[in-house]
Amino acid sequence: MKVSSKGHYGLLALAELVENYKLRRAVQVKEIAKNQNIPSEYLGQIMVLLKRGGLVHGSRGPAGGYILARSPENITVREVLHVLEGPLVGIDLRPDTNGRTLSPVTHRLIETWARGVKAMEQILDETTLADLCKPEAQALMYYI
């Protein structure tokens, strides 16, 4: 799986919205772009996709901007990437056999790949925006 700049920037933008979620403060595209070092016009396109995907709400005007549509604990990384990137794995795990029987090695290879895809999807399903935005753990303090 390869995440494009659209997916990466989208997650960064949503992380910016997580910081403002509890305050119920809408954040403008230009502010997110500046804080996250994302091209503003490109971010505008990404935010439209996130809005269509039901992940953010947008409002216009001087006090307008974007806010998360749901709590950060209820938005998964997989959901974000699916909205921005489409299906996460773009290959068909059913090989074209042309009427031939598949070798045992080919069967095991397909099964291994399918398990890998399933594990990746499970991790992305289990990881939420809240998980991504947890404060850094305090440095361990050692006393002598």
C-alpha atoms as a PDB file:
ATOM      1  CA  MET A   1       0.000   0.000   0.000  1.00  0.00           C
ATOM      2  CA  LYS A   2       1.256   3.439  -0.869  1.00  0.00           C
ATOM      3  CA  VAL A   3      -0.256   6.574   0.661  1.00  0.00           C
ATOM      4  CA  SER A   4      -0.161   9.585  -1.644  1.00  0.00           C
ATOM      5  CA  SER A   5       0.345  13.187  -0.592  1.00  0.00           C
ATOM      6  CA  LYS A   6      -3.452  13.516  -0.570  1.00  0.00           C
ATOM      7  CA  GLY A   7      -3.773  10.896   2.175  1.00  0.00           C
ATOM      8  CA  HIS A   8      -0.805  12.248   4.112  1.00  0.00           C
ATOM      9  CA  TYR A   9      -1.956  15.871   3.947  1.00  0.00           C
ATOM     10  CA  GLY A  10      -5.525  14.852   4.768  1.00  0.00           C
ATOM     11  CA  LEU A  11      -4.404  13.121   7.958  1.00  0.00           C
ATOM     12  CA  LEU A  12      -2.275  16.141   8.909  1.00  0.00           C
ATOM     13  CA  ALA A  13      -5.243  18.468   8.344  1.00  0.00           C
ATOM     14  CA  LEU A  14      -7.512  16.269  10.444  1.00  0.00           C
ATOM     15  CA  ALA A  15      -4.890  16.212  13.197  1.00  0.00           C
ATOM     16  CA  GLU A  16      -5.080  20.017  13.201  1.00  0.00           C
ATOM     17  CA  LEU A  17      -8.854  19.776  13.592  1.00  0.00           C
ATOM     18  CA  VAL A  18      -8.465  17.324  16.485  1.00  0.00           C
ATOM     19  CA  GLU A  19      -6.610  20.025  18.424  1.00  0.00           C
ATOM     20  CA  ASN A  20      -9.612  22.335  18.030  1.00  0.00           C
ATOM     21  CA  TYR A  21     -12.374  19.740  18.432  1.00  0.00           C
ATOM     22  CA  LYS A  22     -12.970  20.196  22.159  1.00  0.00           C
ATOM     23  CA  LEU A  23     -13.156  23.961  21.704  1.00  0.00           C
ATOM     24  CA  ARG A  24     -15.677  23.449  18.855  1.00  0.00           C
ATOM     25  CA  ARG A  25     -13.565  25.947  16.931  1.00  0.00           C
ATOM     26  CA  ALA A  26     -13.768  25.907  13.136  1.00  0.00           C
ATOM     27  CA  VAL A  27     -10.373  26.169  11.455  1.00  0.00           C
ATOM     28  CA  GLN A  28      -9.859  27.799   8.067  1.00  0.00           C
ATOM     29  CA  VAL A  29      -7.961  26.099   5.261  1.00  0.00           C
ATOM     30  CA  LYS A  30      -5.325  28.825   5.160  1.00  0.00           C
ATOM     31  CA  GLU A  31      -4.586  28.340   8.877  1.00  0.00           C
ATOM     32  CA  ILE A  32      -4.300  24.557   8.536  1.00  0.00           C
ATOM     33  CA  ALA A  33      -2.135  24.960   5.435  1.00  0.00           C
ATOM     34  CA  LYS A  34       0.211  27.340   7.205  1.00  0.00           C
ATOM     35  CA  ASN A  35       0.479  25.266  10.396  1.00  0.00           C
ATOM     36  CA  GLN A  36       1.002  21.969   8.560  1.00  0.00           C
ATOM     37  CA  ASN A  37       3.029  23.316   5.617  1.00  0.00           C
ATOM     38  CA  ILE A  38       0.526  22.136   2.993  1.00  0.00           C
ATOM     39  CA  PRO A  39      -0.197  23.984  -0.281  1.00  0.00           C
ATOM     40  CA  SER A  40      -3.432  25.898   0.415  1.00  0.00           C
ATOM     41  CA  GLU A  41      -5.196  25.219  -2.916  1.00  0.00           C
ATOM     42  CA  TYR A  42      -4.448  21.501  -2.732  1.00  0.00           C
ATOM     43  CA  LEU A  43      -5.657  21.385   0.871  1.00  0.00           C
ATOM     44  CA  GLY A  44      -8.894  23.063  -0.191  1.00  0.00           C
ATOM     45  CA  GLN A  45      -9.525  20.188  -2.615  1.00  0.00           C
ATOM     46  CA  ILE A  46      -8.712  17.637   0.087  1.00  0.00           C
ATOM     47  CA  MET A  47     -11.088  19.285   2.568  1.00  0.00           C
ATOM     48  CA  VAL A  48     -13.912  19.100   0.007  1.00  0.00           C
ATOM     49  CA  LEU A  49     -13.329  15.335  -0.267  1.00  0.00           C
ATOM     50  CA  LEU A  50     -13.293  14.984   3.522  1.00  0.00           C
ATOM     51  CA  LYS A  51     -16.563  16.929   3.701  1.00  0.00           C
ATOM     52  CA  ARG A  52     -18.173  14.740   1.016  1.00  0.00           C
ATOM     53  CA  GLY A  53     -16.965  11.707   2.956  1.00  0.00           C
ATOM     54  CA  GLY A  54     -18.752  12.918   6.077  1.00  0.00           C
ATOM     55  CA  LEU A  55     -15.591  13.371   8.122  1.00  0.00           C
ATOM     56  CA  VAL A  56     -15.767  17.156   8.511  1.00  0.00           C
ATOM     57  CA  HIS A  57     -18.365  19.909   8.504  1.00  0.00           C
ATOM     58  CA  GLY A  58     -17.615  23.172   6.777  1.00  0.00           C
ATOM     59  CA  SER A  59     -19.015  26.658   7.137  1.00  0.00           C
ATOM     60  CA  ARG A  60     -18.413  29.823   5.144  1.00  0.00           C
ATOM     61  CA  GLY A  61     -17.771  33.346   6.232  1.00  0.00           C
ATOM     62  CA  PRO A  62     -15.255  35.192   8.393  1.00  0.00           C
ATOM     63  CA  ALA A  63     -15.771  32.821  11.339  1.00  0.00           C
ATOM     64  CA  GLY A  64     -16.093  29.832   9.035  1.00  0.00           C
ATOM     65  CA  GLY A  65     -13.854  26.891   8.477  1.00  0.00           C
ATOM     66  CA  TYR A  66     -13.844  23.171   9.129  1.00  0.00           C
ATOM     67  CA  ILE A  67     -14.570  21.085  12.203  1.00  0.00           C
ATOM     68  CA  LEU A  68     -14.609  17.324  12.706  1.00  0.00           C
ATOM     69  CA  ALA A  69     -17.996  15.744  12.038  1.00  0.00           C
ATOM     70  CA  ARG A  70     -17.450  13.165  14.808  1.00  0.00           C
ATOM     71  CA  SER A  71     -15.181  12.788  17.781  1.00  0.00           C
ATOM     72  CA  PRO A  72     -11.545  11.871  17.014  1.00  0.00           C
ATOM     73  CA  GLU A  73     -12.096   8.548  18.795  1.00  0.00           C
ATOM     74  CA  ASN A  74     -14.712   7.652  16.179  1.00  0.00           C
ATOM     75  CA  ILE A  75     -12.742   8.365  13.008  1.00  0.00           C
ATOM     76  CA  THR A  76     -10.303   5.667  11.912  1.00  0.00           C
ATOM     77  CA  VAL A  77      -7.221   6.068   9.764  1.00  0.00           C
ATOM     78  CA  ARG A  78      -8.647   3.459   7.385  1.00  0.00           C
ATOM     79  CA  GLU A  79     -11.824   5.516   6.939  1.00  0.00           C
ATOM     80  CA  VAL A  80      -9.813   8.663   6.153  1.00  0.00           C
ATOM     81  CA  LEU A  81      -7.577   6.878   3.668  1.00  0.00           C
ATOM     82  CA  HIS A  82     -10.571   5.218   2.021  1.00  0.00           C
ATOM     83  CA  VAL A  83     -12.258   8.622   1.523  1.00  0.00           C
ATOM     84  CA  LEU A  84      -9.090  10.211   0.105  1.00  0.00           C
ATOM     85  CA  GLU A  85      -7.353   7.314  -1.650  1.00  0.00           C
ATOM     86  CA  GLY A  86     -10.124   4.863  -2.495  1.00  0.00           C
ATOM     87  CA  PRO A  87      -9.638   1.137  -1.899  1.00  0.00           C
ATOM     88  CA  LEU A  88      -6.433   0.542   0.052  1.00  0.00           C
ATOM     89  CA  VAL A  89      -5.253  -2.433  -1.962  1.00  0.00           C
ATOM     90  CA  GLY A  90      -5.718  -2.231  -5.686  1.00  0.00           C
ATOM     91  CA  ILE A  91      -4.805  -5.764  -6.682  1.00  0.00           C
ATOM     92  CA  ASP A  92      -6.893  -8.827  -7.362  1.00  0.00           C
ATOM     93  CA  LEU A  93      -5.887 -11.750  -5.162  1.00  0.00           C
ATOM     94  CA  ARG A  94      -7.448 -14.181  -7.635  1.00  0.00           C
ATOM     95  CA  PRO A  95      -4.760 -14.885 -10.230  1.00  0.00           C
ATOM     96  CA  ASP A  96      -5.626 -15.420 -13.862  1.00  0.00           C
ATOM     97  CA  THR A  97      -5.090 -19.151 -14.314  1.00  0.00           C
ATOM     98  CA  ASN A  98      -6.073 -19.451 -17.990  1.00  0.00           C
ATOM     99  CA  GLY A  99      -7.543 -22.848 -17.143  1.00  0.00           C
ATOM    100  CA  ARG A 100      -4.364 -24.093 -15.457  1.00  0.00           C
ATOM    101  CA  THR A 101      -4.155 -25.474 -11.947  1.00  0.00           C
ATOM    102  CA  LEU A 102      -2.286 -23.312  -9.474  1.00  0.00           C
ATOM    103  CA  SER A 103       0.810 -24.685  -7.827  1.00  0.00           C
ATOM    104  CA  PRO A 104       0.844 -25.146  -4.034  1.00  0.00           C
ATOM    105  CA  VAL A 105       3.419 -22.343  -3.805  1.00  0.00           C
ATOM    106  CA  THR A 106       1.098 -19.962  -5.660  1.00  0.00           C
ATOM    107  CA  HIS A 107      -1.782 -20.894  -3.342  1.00  0.00           C
ATOM    108  CA  ARG A 108       0.373 -20.222  -0.269  1.00  0.00           C
ATOM    109  CA  LEU A 109       1.638 -16.957  -1.739  1.00  0.00           C
ATOM    110  CA  ILE A 110      -1.937 -15.752  -2.328  1.00  0.00           C
ATOM    111  CA  GLU A 111      -2.965 -16.820   1.188  1.00  0.00           C
ATOM    112  CA  THR A 112       0.061 -15.027   2.683  1.00  0.00           C
ATOM    113  CA  TRP A 113      -0.685 -11.838   0.774  1.00  0.00           C
ATOM    114  CA  ALA A 114      -4.354 -11.971   1.843  1.00  0.00           C
ATOM    115  CA  ARG A 115      -3.333 -12.357   5.511  1.00  0.00           C
ATOM    116  CA  GLY A 116      -0.973  -9.388   5.177  1.00  0.00           C
ATOM    117  CA  VAL A 117      -3.706  -7.207   3.677  1.00  0.00           C
ATOM    118  CA  LYS A 118      -6.132  -8.260   6.408  1.00  0.00           C
ATOM    119  CA  ALA A 119      -3.591  -7.433   9.145  1.00  0.00           C
ATOM    120  CA  MET A 120      -2.884  -4.010   7.624  1.00  0.00           C
ATOM    121  CA  GLU A 121      -6.589  -3.194   7.368  1.00  0.00           C
ATOM    122  CA  GLN A 122      -7.151  -4.303  10.966  1.00  0.00           C
ATOM    123  CA  ILE A 123      -4.400  -2.002  12.247  1.00  0.00           C
ATOM    124  CA  LEU A 124      -5.765   0.944  10.244  1.00  0.00           C
ATOM    125  CA  ASP A 125      -9.269   0.155  11.562  1.00  0.00           C
ATOM    126  CA  GLU A 126      -8.016   0.075  15.153  1.00  0.00           C
ATOM    127  CA  THR A 127      -6.073   3.349  14.879  1.00  0.00           C
ATOM    128  CA  THR A 128      -8.140   6.504  15.325  1.00  0.00           C
ATOM    129  CA  LEU A 129      -7.366  10.188  14.926  1.00  0.00           C
ATOM    130  CA  ALA A 130      -7.308  10.378  18.723  1.00  0.00           C
ATOM    131  CA  ASP A 131      -4.565   7.726  18.754  1.00  0.00           C
ATOM    132  CA  LEU A 132      -2.515   9.677  16.222  1.00  0.00           C
ATOM    133  CA  CYS A 133      -2.847  12.888  18.214  1.00  0.00           C
ATOM    134  CA  LYS A 134      -2.066  11.629  21.701  1.00  0.00           C
ATOM    135  CA  PRO A 135       0.355  13.891  23.532  1.00  0.00           C
ATOM    136  CA  GLU A 136       3.925  12.689  23.485  1.00  0.00           C
ATOM    137  CA  ALA A 137       4.829  10.572  26.459  1.00  0.00           C
ATOM    138  CA  GLN A 138       6.806  12.474  29.001  1.00  0.00           C
ATOM    139  CA  ALA A 139      10.487  11.684  28.957  1.00  0.00           C
ATOM    140  CA  LEU A 140      11.452   9.056  31.475  1.00  0.00           C
ATOM    141  CA  MET A 141      13.163  10.497  34.488  1.00  0.00           C
ATOM    142  CA  TYR A 142      15.868   8.434  36.120  1.00  0.00           C
ATOM    143  CA  TYR A 143      16.902   9.200  39.680  1.00  0.00           C
ATOM    144  CA  ILE A 144      20.189   8.041  41.165  1.00  0.00           C
END
